[in-house]
Amino acid sequence: MALPIRSRTTDDLRPASGPRLNVVAFFVLVLPIVAGAVASALQATPIWIIAGAVIGVVMAQSPKIARQWERAIVLRLGRYVGQRGPGLFWIVPFFDAVSAWIDQRVITTSFAAEQTLTSDTVPVNVDAVLFWLVYDPEKAALEVQDYMQAVSWAAQTALRDIIGRTSLTDLLRGRERIEEELQRLIDGRSNPWGVTVQSVEMRDVVIPDSLQDAMSREAQAAREKQARVILGQAEVEIARSFEQAAQAYRDNPTALHLRAMNMLYEGLKQKGALMLVPSSAVESMGMGGLLGAAAMLQQKLTAAGGGGEVK
């Protein structure tokens, strides 16, 4: 049966001196008092109601109720006699005592390591959450004074130990490995107390602001370097494409002329455009007549833009 998850509270370890009222104890207390009151009324003496009250108070100490997720640790004259629960159970008044109520649900405990140096001497603040439960209530009650406080301290010391043996890069990039190692370390320390660790999750790793700026600049420089490398690779691919195009135009003059006409068209689409064509290109591609026609067309476009009508 799956048990619910709850957060850590100060009520998880309840001493026997704190009475827990329940409906069974109430009836056990009331019934002798009522019977004594009836007997006293019939016999016209108060001794029966006094005796009923005493018996009721004594017997009311016997019934106890443990909730589904609780186990009660029972001591008889200071000696452990067993654990009770869940549900209704009875103890011997004045001889038996419930020393602790052990919660067996999954408990979450937050812990942190502040200004702890990594292996490369970088101070960091680390916040983590521990998920654990008590699998042996007897050990949790008898082997350690306060098992909840002990688990919390064990988690903090284990976290500081691991941070001191880990570099900042591994701490930021290898969270899963660190969480598994932290879980094994805490589990090994808490198992003798009847506690098992289910998982550990690191919530946040805070580094100094100056180091954050340095890491940001380093990352930006790496991105710029990668961008320049990609641009260089693109230039190489473009040069290879131009080389292949030159080979194709050399063997096909018609294609070269068509390409030249397309270049002129693209350049003259905008009014007032000025094109500079090397004379060597004019001679090699036979563009003299074509450039003359283009110049005349450009003059017409300019005159039309100035308000004149071209016919």
C-alpha atoms as a PDB file:
ATOM      1  CA  MET A   1       0.000   0.000   0.000  1.00  0.00           C
ATOM      2  CA  ALA A   2       1.460   3.370  -1.025  1.00  0.00           C
ATOM      3  CA  LEU A   3       1.861   5.860   1.789  1.00  0.00           C
ATOM      4  CA  PRO A   4       1.434   9.611   1.274  1.00  0.00           C
ATOM      5  CA  ILE A   5       4.343  12.025   1.276  1.00  0.00           C
ATOM      6  CA  ARG A   6       4.523  14.641   3.975  1.00  0.00           C
ATOM      7  CA  SER A   7       6.922  17.363   5.063  1.00  0.00           C
ATOM      8  CA  ARG A   8       9.009  17.273   8.195  1.00  0.00           C
ATOM      9  CA  THR A   9       7.366  18.658  11.323  1.00  0.00           C
ATOM     10  CA  THR A  10       8.203  18.721  15.016  1.00  0.00           C
ATOM     11  CA  ASP A  11       5.308  16.368  15.818  1.00  0.00           C
ATOM     12  CA  ASP A  12       6.885  13.312  14.194  1.00  0.00           C
ATOM     13  CA  LEU A  13       8.536  12.162  17.421  1.00  0.00           C
ATOM     14  CA  ARG A  14       5.929  12.287  20.193  1.00  0.00           C
ATOM     15  CA  PRO A  15       6.957  11.437  23.758  1.00  0.00           C
ATOM     16  CA  ALA A  16       4.739   9.412  26.012  1.00  0.00           C
ATOM     17  CA  SER A  17       4.216  12.386  28.303  1.00  0.00           C
ATOM     18  CA  GLY A  18       2.045  13.995  25.668  1.00  0.00           C
ATOM     19  CA  PRO A  19      -1.389  12.354  26.028  1.00  0.00           C
ATOM     20  CA  ARG A  20      -3.342  11.537  22.883  1.00  0.00           C
ATOM     21  CA  LEU A  21      -7.065  11.547  23.498  1.00  0.00           C
ATOM     22  CA  ASN A  22      -9.246   9.096  21.590  1.00  0.00           C
ATOM     23  CA  VAL A  23     -12.879   8.081  21.598  1.00  0.00           C
ATOM     24  CA  VAL A  24     -12.238   4.684  23.206  1.00  0.00           C
ATOM     25  CA  ALA A  25     -10.436   6.249  26.155  1.00  0.00           C
ATOM     26  CA  PHE A  26     -13.297   8.720  26.541  1.00  0.00           C
ATOM     27  CA  PHE A  27     -15.890   5.934  26.860  1.00  0.00           C
ATOM     28  CA  VAL A  28     -13.621   3.964  29.181  1.00  0.00           C
ATOM     29  CA  LEU A  29     -13.428   7.051  31.384  1.00  0.00           C
ATOM     30  CA  VAL A  30     -17.142   7.927  31.273  1.00  0.00           C
ATOM     31  CA  LEU A  31     -18.692   4.470  31.790  1.00  0.00           C
ATOM     32  CA  PRO A  32     -17.250   3.789  35.291  1.00  0.00           C
ATOM     33  CA  ILE A  33     -18.172   7.306  36.369  1.00  0.00           C
ATOM     34  CA  VAL A  34     -21.766   6.875  35.162  1.00  0.00           C
ATOM     35  CA  ALA A  35     -22.001   3.460  36.831  1.00  0.00           C
ATOM     36  CA  GLY A  36     -20.620   4.893  40.080  1.00  0.00           C
ATOM     37  CA  ALA A  37     -23.068   7.799  39.922  1.00  0.00           C
ATOM     38  CA  VAL A  38     -26.003   5.397  39.515  1.00  0.00           C
ATOM     39  CA  ALA A  39     -24.773   3.227  42.386  1.00  0.00           C
ATOM     40  CA  SER A  40     -24.267   6.257  44.597  1.00  0.00           C
ATOM     41  CA  ALA A  41     -27.783   7.465  43.827  1.00  0.00           C
ATOM     42  CA  LEU A  42     -29.290   4.092  44.697  1.00  0.00           C
ATOM     43  CA  GLN A  43     -27.322   3.646  47.919  1.00  0.00           C
ATOM     44  CA  ALA A  44     -27.162   7.343  48.855  1.00  0.00           C
ATOM     45  CA  THR A  45     -23.390   7.317  49.324  1.00  0.00           C
ATOM     46  CA  PRO A  46     -20.734   9.136  47.288  1.00  0.00           C
ATOM     47  CA  ILE A  47     -18.163   6.394  47.613  1.00  0.00           C
ATOM     48  CA  TRP A  48     -19.281   4.644  44.427  1.00  0.00           C
ATOM     49  CA  ILE A  49     -18.975   7.700  42.189  1.00  0.00           C
ATOM     50  CA  ILE A  50     -15.520   8.398  43.636  1.00  0.00           C
ATOM     51  CA  ALA A  51     -14.467   4.799  42.997  1.00  0.00           C
ATOM     52  CA  GLY A  52     -15.919   4.956  39.482  1.00  0.00           C
ATOM     53  CA  ALA A  53     -13.996   8.151  38.740  1.00  0.00           C
ATOM     54  CA  VAL A  54     -10.722   6.626  39.956  1.00  0.00           C
ATOM     55  CA  ILE A  55     -11.273   3.455  37.956  1.00  0.00           C
ATOM     56  CA  GLY A  56     -12.239   5.462  34.882  1.00  0.00           C
ATOM     57  CA  VAL A  57      -9.121   7.661  35.059  1.00  0.00           C
ATOM     58  CA  VAL A  58      -6.874   4.615  35.456  1.00  0.00           C
ATOM     59  CA  MET A  59      -8.523   2.597  32.692  1.00  0.00           C
ATOM     60  CA  ALA A  60      -8.549   5.555  30.313  1.00  0.00           C
ATOM     61  CA  GLN A  61      -4.739   5.317  30.186  1.00  0.00           C
ATOM     62  CA  SER A  62      -4.919   1.872  28.599  1.00  0.00           C
ATOM     63  CA  PRO A  63      -6.487   2.266  25.109  1.00  0.00           C
ATOM     64  CA  LYS A  64      -4.312   3.870  22.439  1.00  0.00           C
ATOM     65  CA  ILE A  65      -4.912   4.421  18.743  1.00  0.00           C
ATOM     66  CA  ALA A  66      -2.105   4.588  16.177  1.00  0.00           C
ATOM     67  CA  ARG A  67      -2.880   6.012  12.774  1.00  0.00           C
ATOM     68  CA  GLN A  68      -2.259   4.031   9.604  1.00  0.00           C
ATOM     69  CA  TRP A  69       1.221   5.463   9.036  1.00  0.00           C
ATOM     70  CA  GLU A  70       2.317   5.354  12.691  1.00  0.00           C
ATOM     71  CA  ARG A  71       3.997   2.795  14.914  1.00  0.00           C
ATOM     72  CA  ALA A  72       4.019   3.146  18.713  1.00  0.00           C
ATOM     73  CA  ILE A  73       7.125   2.130  20.664  1.00  0.00           C
ATOM     74  CA  VAL A  74       6.028   0.542  23.961  1.00  0.00           C
ATOM     75  CA  LEU A  75       8.289   0.299  27.013  1.00  0.00           C
ATOM     76  CA  ARG A  76       7.370  -1.733  30.108  1.00  0.00           C
ATOM     77  CA  LEU A  77       9.141  -0.478  33.214  1.00  0.00           C
ATOM     78  CA  GLY A  78      11.707   1.127  30.886  1.00  0.00           C
ATOM     79  CA  ARG A  79      12.330  -2.012  28.814  1.00  0.00           C
ATOM     80  CA  TYR A  80      11.347  -2.341  25.164  1.00  0.00           C
ATOM     81  CA  VAL A  81       8.516  -4.829  24.695  1.00  0.00           C
ATOM     82  CA  GLY A  82       7.467  -4.154  21.112  1.00  0.00           C
ATOM     83  CA  GLN A  83       5.790  -1.818  18.696  1.00  0.00           C
ATOM     84  CA  ARG A  84       2.064  -1.427  18.250  1.00  0.00           C
ATOM     85  CA  GLY A  85      -0.207  -0.174  15.526  1.00  0.00           C
ATOM     86  CA  PRO A  86      -1.837   0.747  13.329  1.00  0.00           C
ATOM     87  CA  GLY A  87      -5.262   0.875  14.949  1.00  0.00           C
ATOM     88  CA  LEU A  88      -6.414   0.234  18.515  1.00  0.00           C
ATOM     89  CA  PHE A  89      -4.121  -1.368  21.080  1.00  0.00           C
ATOM     90  CA  TRP A  90      -4.005  -1.578  24.865  1.00  0.00           C
ATOM     91  CA  ILE A  91      -1.247  -1.031  27.377  1.00  0.00           C
ATOM     92  CA  VAL A  92      -0.988  -1.722  31.103  1.00  0.00           C
ATOM     93  CA  PRO A  93      -1.518   1.562  32.987  1.00  0.00           C
ATOM     94  CA  PHE A  94       1.444   2.796  35.064  1.00  0.00           C
ATOM     95  CA  PHE A  95       3.617  -0.126  33.862  1.00  0.00           C
ATOM     96  CA  ASP A  96       3.642   0.461  30.096  1.00  0.00           C
ATOM     97  CA  ALA A  97       4.473   3.683  28.322  1.00  0.00           C
ATOM     98  CA  VAL A  98       4.510   4.767  24.697  1.00  0.00           C
ATOM     99  CA  SER A  99       7.944   6.343  24.367  1.00  0.00           C
ATOM    100  CA  ALA A 100       7.600   7.497  20.746  1.00  0.00           C
ATOM    101  CA  TRP A 101       5.244   7.613  17.800  1.00  0.00           C
ATOM    102  CA  ILE A 102       7.208   6.851  14.629  1.00  0.00           C
ATOM    103  CA  ASP A 103       5.949   8.215  11.326  1.00  0.00           C
ATOM    104  CA  GLN A 104       6.580   5.781   8.442  1.00  0.00           C
ATOM    105  CA  ARG A 105       5.498   8.040   5.602  1.00  0.00           C
ATOM    106  CA  VAL A 106       7.980   9.521   3.142  1.00  0.00           C
ATOM    107  CA  ILE A 107       9.443  12.643   4.751  1.00  0.00           C
ATOM    108  CA  THR A 108      11.057  15.550   2.902  1.00  0.00           C
ATOM    109  CA  THR A 109      13.932  17.410   4.517  1.00  0.00           C
ATOM    110  CA  SER A 110      15.548  20.505   3.034  1.00  0.00           C
ATOM    111  CA  PHE A 111      19.240  21.013   3.714  1.00  0.00           C
ATOM    112  CA  ALA A 112      21.958  23.304   2.378  1.00  0.00           C
ATOM    113  CA  ALA A 113      25.695  23.936   2.307  1.00  0.00           C
ATOM    114  CA  GLU A 114      26.647  27.617   2.383  1.00  0.00           C
ATOM    115  CA  GLN A 115      29.989  29.070   1.277  1.00  0.00           C
ATOM    116  CA  THR A 116      31.509  25.627   0.807  1.00  0.00           C
ATOM    117  CA  LEU A 117      34.736  25.365  -1.209  1.00  0.00           C
ATOM    118  CA  THR A 118      34.895  23.003  -4.163  1.00  0.00           C
ATOM    119  CA  SER A 119      38.051  21.078  -5.049  1.00  0.00           C
ATOM    120  CA  ASP A 120      39.170  24.014  -7.222  1.00  0.00           C
ATOM    121  CA  THR A 121      38.588  26.483  -4.313  1.00  0.00           C
ATOM    122  CA  VAL A 122      35.402  28.113  -5.552  1.00  0.00           C
ATOM    123  CA  PRO A 123      32.850  29.033  -2.815  1.00  0.00           C
ATOM    124  CA  VAL A 124      29.342  27.822  -3.674  1.00  0.00           C
ATOM    125  CA  ASN A 125      25.932  27.624  -1.996  1.00  0.00           C
ATOM    126  CA  VAL A 126      24.019  24.419  -2.672  1.00  0.00           C
ATOM    127  CA  ASP A 127      20.377  23.699  -1.747  1.00  0.00           C
ATOM    128  CA  ALA A 128      19.042  20.142  -1.820  1.00  0.00           C
ATOM    129  CA  VAL A 129      16.010  18.083  -0.776  1.00  0.00           C
ATOM    130  CA  LEU A 130      16.157  14.678   0.870  1.00  0.00           C
ATOM    131  CA  PHE A 131      13.362  12.086   0.515  1.00  0.00           C
ATOM    132  CA  TRP A 132      13.547   9.411   3.196  1.00  0.00           C
ATOM    133  CA  LEU A 133      11.456   7.142   5.420  1.00  0.00           C
ATOM    134  CA  VAL A 134      11.731   4.977   8.531  1.00  0.00           C
ATOM    135  CA  TYR A 135      11.760   1.269   7.647  1.00  0.00           C
ATOM    136  CA  ASP A 136      12.548   0.012  11.184  1.00  0.00           C
ATOM    137  CA  PRO A 137      10.708   1.948  13.940  1.00  0.00           C
ATOM    138  CA  GLU A 138      12.516   0.002  16.680  1.00  0.00           C
ATOM    139  CA  LYS A 139      15.956   1.218  15.564  1.00  0.00           C
ATOM    140  CA  ALA A 140      14.708   4.758  14.974  1.00  0.00           C
ATOM    141  CA  ALA A 141      13.446   4.959  18.563  1.00  0.00           C
ATOM    142  CA  LEU A 142      16.189   3.037  20.380  1.00  0.00           C
ATOM    143  CA  GLU A 143      19.419   3.543  18.432  1.00  0.00           C
ATOM    144  CA  VAL A 144      19.423   7.353  18.138  1.00  0.00           C
ATOM    145  CA  GLN A 145      18.100  10.113  20.368  1.00  0.00           C
ATOM    146  CA  ASP A 146      16.414  12.186  17.638  1.00  0.00           C
ATOM    147  CA  TYR A 147      16.436  10.368  14.319  1.00  0.00           C
ATOM    148  CA  MET A 148      15.056  13.320  12.354  1.00  0.00           C
ATOM    149  CA  GLN A 149      17.754  15.701  13.537  1.00  0.00           C
ATOM    150  CA  ALA A 150      20.379  13.022  12.974  1.00  0.00           C
ATOM    151  CA  VAL A 151      19.284  12.521   9.352  1.00  0.00           C
ATOM    152  CA  SER A 152      19.356  16.264   8.746  1.00  0.00           C
ATOM    153  CA  TRP A 153      22.890  16.638  10.099  1.00  0.00           C
ATOM    154  CA  ALA A 154      24.081  13.563   8.199  1.00  0.00           C
ATOM    155  CA  ALA A 155      22.727  15.034   4.966  1.00  0.00           C
ATOM    156  CA  GLN A 156      24.458  18.388   5.521  1.00  0.00           C
ATOM    157  CA  THR A 157      27.843  16.866   6.343  1.00  0.00           C
ATOM    158  CA  ALA A 158      27.609  14.486   3.372  1.00  0.00           C
ATOM    159  CA  LEU A 159      26.793  17.371   1.035  1.00  0.00           C
ATOM    160  CA  ARG A 160      29.787  19.385   2.278  1.00  0.00           C
ATOM    161  CA  ASP A 161      32.020  16.340   1.915  1.00  0.00           C
ATOM    162  CA  ILE A 162      31.002  15.747  -1.695  1.00  0.00           C
ATOM    163  CA  ILE A 163      31.304  19.435  -2.640  1.00  0.00           C
ATOM    164  CA  GLY A 164      34.838  19.508  -1.242  1.00  0.00           C
ATOM    165  CA  ARG A 165      35.805  16.556  -3.464  1.00  0.00           C
ATOM    166  CA  THR A 166      34.134  17.891  -6.637  1.00  0.00           C
ATOM    167  CA  SER A 167      35.210  20.604  -9.056  1.00  0.00           C
ATOM    168  CA  LEU A 168      32.846  23.399 -10.038  1.00  0.00           C
ATOM    169  CA  THR A 169      32.495  22.078 -13.592  1.00  0.00           C
ATOM    170  CA  ASP A 170      31.504  18.596 -12.380  1.00  0.00           C
ATOM    171  CA  LEU A 171      29.151  20.152  -9.832  1.00  0.00           C
ATOM    172  CA  LEU A 172      27.302  22.092 -12.527  1.00  0.00           C
ATOM    173  CA  ARG A 173      27.281  19.426 -15.236  1.00  0.00           C
ATOM    174  CA  GLY A 174      27.158  16.158 -13.300  1.00  0.00           C
ATOM    175  CA  ARG A 175      24.212  16.674 -10.974  1.00  0.00           C
ATOM    176  CA  GLU A 176      22.764  13.194 -11.471  1.00  0.00           C
ATOM    177  CA  ARG A 177      26.037  11.496 -10.548  1.00  0.00           C
ATOM    178  CA  ILE A 178      26.461  13.728  -7.482  1.00  0.00           C
ATOM    179  CA  GLU A 179      22.869  13.081  -6.371  1.00  0.00           C
ATOM    180  CA  GLU A 180      23.390   9.312  -6.619  1.00  0.00           C
ATOM    181  CA  GLU A 181      26.660   9.513  -4.692  1.00  0.00           C
ATOM    182  CA  LEU A 182      25.035  11.728  -2.064  1.00  0.00           C
ATOM    183  CA  GLN A 183      22.143   9.291  -1.702  1.00  0.00           C
ATOM    184  CA  ARG A 184      24.521   6.351  -1.147  1.00  0.00           C
ATOM    185  CA  LEU A 185      26.543   8.285   1.410  1.00  0.00           C
ATOM    186  CA  ILE A 186      23.532   9.444   3.463  1.00  0.00           C
ATOM    187  CA  ASP A 187      21.891   6.037   3.222  1.00  0.00           C
ATOM    188  CA  GLY A 188      25.023   4.348   4.554  1.00  0.00           C
ATOM    189  CA  ARG A 189      25.112   6.682   7.552  1.00  0.00           C
ATOM    190  CA  SER A 190      21.405   6.476   8.391  1.00  0.00           C
ATOM    191  CA  ASN A 191      20.743   2.756   7.862  1.00  0.00           C
ATOM    192  CA  PRO A 192      21.851   1.849  11.422  1.00  0.00           C
ATOM    193  CA  TRP A 193      19.080   4.167  12.658  1.00  0.00           C
ATOM    194  CA  GLY A 194      16.366   2.312  10.740  1.00  0.00           C
ATOM    195  CA  VAL A 195      16.181   5.001   8.053  1.00  0.00           C
ATOM    196  CA  THR A 196      16.494   4.554   4.299  1.00  0.00           C
ATOM    197  CA  VAL A 197      16.974   7.298   1.720  1.00  0.00           C
ATOM    198  CA  GLN A 198      14.822   7.140  -1.404  1.00  0.00           C
ATOM    199  CA  SER A 199      16.334  10.012  -3.386  1.00  0.00           C
ATOM    200  CA  VAL A 200      18.250  13.274  -3.157  1.00  0.00           C
ATOM    201  CA  GLU A 201      17.598  16.218  -5.467  1.00  0.00           C
ATOM    202  CA  MET A 202      19.790  19.297  -5.779  1.00  0.00           C
ATOM    203  CA  ARG A 203      17.560  22.338  -6.198  1.00  0.00           C
ATOM    204  CA  ASP A 204      20.077  25.109  -6.822  1.00  0.00           C
ATOM    205  CA  VAL A 205      23.804  25.814  -7.076  1.00  0.00           C
ATOM    206  CA  VAL A 206      24.735  29.467  -6.476  1.00  0.00           C
ATOM    207  CA  ILE A 207      28.195  30.720  -7.450  1.00  0.00           C
ATOM    208  CA  PRO A 208      29.750  34.201  -6.842  1.00  0.00           C
ATOM    209  CA  ASP A 209      28.633  37.024  -9.144  1.00  0.00           C
ATOM    210  CA  SER A 210      32.185  37.740 -10.332  1.00  0.00           C
ATOM    211  CA  LEU A 211      32.586  34.134 -11.393  1.00  0.00           C
ATOM    212  CA  GLN A 212      29.240  34.220 -13.167  1.00  0.00           C
ATOM    213  CA  ASP A 213      30.419  37.226 -15.202  1.00  0.00           C
ATOM    214  CA  ALA A 214      33.675  35.480 -16.075  1.00  0.00           C
ATOM    215  CA  MET A 215      31.840  32.333 -17.153  1.00  0.00           C
ATOM    216  CA  SER A 216      29.427  34.432 -19.215  1.00  0.00           C
ATOM    217  CA  ARG A 217      32.325  36.139 -21.025  1.00  0.00           C
ATOM    218  CA  GLU A 218      33.984  32.796 -21.606  1.00  0.00           C
ATOM    219  CA  ALA A 219      30.799  31.361 -23.087  1.00  0.00           C
ATOM    220  CA  GLN A 220      30.348  34.438 -25.292  1.00  0.00           C
ATOM    221  CA  ALA A 221      33.929  34.144 -26.573  1.00  0.00           C
ATOM    222  CA  ALA A 222      33.368  30.465 -27.343  1.00  0.00           C
ATOM    223  CA  ARG A 223      30.189  31.309 -29.294  1.00  0.00           C
ATOM    224  CA  GLU A 224      32.010  34.030 -31.277  1.00  0.00           C
ATOM    225  CA  LYS A 225      34.816  31.608 -32.069  1.00  0.00           C
ATOM    226  CA  GLN A 226      32.319  29.020 -33.267  1.00  0.00           C
ATOM    227  CA  ALA A 227      30.566  31.662 -35.408  1.00  0.00           C
ATOM    228  CA  ARG A 228      33.870  32.627 -37.071  1.00  0.00           C
ATOM    229  CA  VAL A 229      34.663  28.992 -37.766  1.00  0.00           C
ATOM    230  CA  ILE A 230      31.249  28.485 -39.358  1.00  0.00           C
ATOM    231  CA  LEU A 231      31.707  31.660 -41.444  1.00  0.00           C
ATOM    232  CA  GLY A 232      35.095  30.435 -42.681  1.00  0.00           C
ATOM    233  CA  GLN A 233      33.624  27.077 -43.639  1.00  0.00           C
ATOM    234  CA  ALA A 234      30.850  28.884 -45.531  1.00  0.00           C
ATOM    235  CA  GLU A 235      33.443  30.960 -47.444  1.00  0.00           C
ATOM    236  CA  VAL A 236      35.264  27.766 -48.456  1.00  0.00           C
ATOM    237  CA  GLU A 237      32.022  26.226 -49.733  1.00  0.00           C
ATOM    238  CA  ILE A 238      31.159  29.426 -51.637  1.00  0.00           C
ATOM    239  CA  ALA A 239      34.612  29.481 -53.242  1.00  0.00           C
ATOM    240  CA  ARG A 240      34.182  25.888 -54.366  1.00  0.00           C
ATOM    241  CA  SER A 241      30.782  26.748 -55.850  1.00  0.00           C
ATOM    242  CA  PHE A 242      32.310  29.692 -57.745  1.00  0.00           C
ATOM    243  CA  GLU A 243      35.026  27.430 -59.042  1.00  0.00           C
ATOM    244  CA  GLN A 244      32.475  24.970 -60.401  1.00  0.00           C
ATOM    245  CA  ALA A 245      30.441  27.811 -61.940  1.00  0.00           C
ATOM    246  CA  ALA A 246      33.552  29.203 -63.652  1.00  0.00           C
ATOM    247  CA  GLN A 247      34.269  25.808 -65.175  1.00  0.00           C
ATOM    248  CA  ALA A 248      30.677  25.626 -66.505  1.00  0.00           C
ATOM    249  CA  TYR A 249      30.779  29.194 -67.961  1.00  0.00           C
ATOM    250  CA  ARG A 250      34.127  28.578 -69.657  1.00  0.00           C
ATOM    251  CA  ASP A 251      32.708  25.729 -71.694  1.00  0.00           C
ATOM    252  CA  ASN A 252      29.376  27.502 -72.440  1.00  0.00           C
ATOM    253  CA  PRO A 253      29.652  31.193 -73.573  1.00  0.00           C
ATOM    254  CA  THR A 254      25.903  31.451 -74.057  1.00  0.00           C
ATOM    255  CA  ALA A 255      25.290  30.650 -70.427  1.00  0.00           C
ATOM    256  CA  LEU A 256      27.880  33.295 -69.504  1.00  0.00           C
ATOM    257  CA  HIS A 257      26.055  35.954 -71.547  1.00  0.00           C
ATOM    258  CA  LEU A 258      22.721  35.021 -69.994  1.00  0.00           C
ATOM    259  CA  ARG A 259      24.251  35.311 -66.554  1.00  0.00           C
ATOM    260  CA  ALA A 260      25.655  38.747 -67.459  1.00  0.00           C
ATOM    261  CA  MET A 261      22.234  39.919 -68.621  1.00  0.00           C
ATOM    262  CA  ASN A 262      20.690  38.690 -65.380  1.00  0.00           C
ATOM    263  CA  MET A 263      23.292  40.599 -63.372  1.00  0.00           C
ATOM    264  CA  LEU A 264      22.508  43.799 -65.289  1.00  0.00           C
ATOM    265  CA  TYR A 265      18.792  43.296 -64.780  1.00  0.00           C
ATOM    266  CA  GLU A 266      19.209  42.831 -61.068  1.00  0.00           C
ATOM    267  CA  GLY A 267      21.374  45.932 -60.887  1.00  0.00           C
ATOM    268  CA  LEU A 268      19.014  48.153 -62.882  1.00  0.00           C
ATOM    269  CA  LYS A 269      15.806  47.243 -61.083  1.00  0.00           C
ATOM    270  CA  GLN A 270      16.306  50.147 -58.686  1.00  0.00           C
ATOM    271  CA  LYS A 271      16.085  53.699 -60.104  1.00  0.00           C
ATOM    272  CA  GLY A 272      19.288  55.657 -59.940  1.00  0.00           C
ATOM    273  CA  ALA A 273      21.402  52.534 -59.596  1.00  0.00           C
ATOM    274  CA  LEU A 274      25.028  52.831 -60.643  1.00  0.00           C
ATOM    275  CA  MET A 275      26.914  49.781 -61.880  1.00  0.00           C
ATOM    276  CA  LEU A 276      30.675  49.551 -62.277  1.00  0.00           C
ATOM    277  CA  VAL A 277      31.728  46.806 -64.700  1.00  0.00           C
ATOM    278  CA  PRO A 278      35.447  46.137 -65.277  1.00  0.00           C
ATOM    279  CA  SER A 279      36.560  46.653 -68.892  1.00  0.00           C
ATOM    280  CA  SER A 280      38.111  43.207 -68.865  1.00  0.00           C
ATOM    281  CA  ALA A 281      34.713  41.722 -68.115  1.00  0.00           C
ATOM    282  CA  VAL A 282      33.143  43.745 -70.951  1.00  0.00           C
ATOM    283  CA  GLU A 283      35.693  42.457 -73.438  1.00  0.00           C
ATOM    284  CA  SER A 284      35.662  38.862 -72.255  1.00  0.00           C
ATOM    285  CA  MET A 285      31.885  38.531 -72.172  1.00  0.00           C
ATOM    286  CA  GLY A 286      31.097  40.702 -75.240  1.00  0.00           C
ATOM    287  CA  MET A 287      28.940  43.063 -73.182  1.00  0.00           C
ATOM    288  CA  GLY A 288      29.738  46.296 -75.080  1.00  0.00           C
ATOM    289  CA  GLY A 289      26.453  46.516 -76.979  1.00  0.00           C
ATOM    290  CA  LEU A 290      24.540  45.227 -74.030  1.00  0.00           C
ATOM    291  CA  LEU A 291      25.968  47.865 -71.729  1.00  0.00           C
ATOM    292  CA  GLY A 292      25.118  50.587 -74.222  1.00  0.00           C
ATOM    293  CA  ALA A 293      21.514  49.506 -74.336  1.00  0.00           C
ATOM    294  CA  ALA A 294      21.457  49.321 -70.560  1.00  0.00           C
ATOM    295  CA  ALA A 295      22.810  52.853 -70.294  1.00  0.00           C
ATOM    296  CA  MET A 296      20.125  54.191 -72.614  1.00  0.00           C
ATOM    297  CA  LEU A 297      17.469  52.404 -70.580  1.00  0.00           C
ATOM    298  CA  GLN A 298      18.892  53.891 -67.413  1.00  0.00           C
ATOM    299  CA  GLN A 299      18.716  57.418 -68.880  1.00  0.00           C
ATOM    300  CA  LYS A 300      15.086  56.892 -69.787  1.00  0.00           C
ATOM    301  CA  LEU A 301      14.283  55.631 -66.285  1.00  0.00           C
ATOM    302  CA  THR A 302      16.012  58.660 -64.785  1.00  0.00           C
ATOM    303  CA  ALA A 303      14.148  61.088 -67.060  1.00  0.00           C
ATOM    304  CA  ALA A 304      10.869  59.427 -66.209  1.00  0.00           C
ATOM    305  CA  GLY A 305      11.628  59.741 -62.508  1.00  0.00           C
ATOM    306  CA  GLY A 306      12.284  63.486 -62.993  1.00  0.00           C
ATOM    307  CA  GLY A 307       8.825  64.107 -64.443  1.00  0.00           C
ATOM    308  CA  GLY A 308       9.579  63.791 -68.186  1.00  0.00           C
ATOM    309  CA  GLU A 309       7.537  61.505 -70.418  1.00  0.00           C
ATOM    310  CA  VAL A 310       9.429  58.875 -72.367  1.00  0.00           C
ATOM    311  CA  LYS A 311       7.994  57.781 -75.748  1.00  0.00           C
END
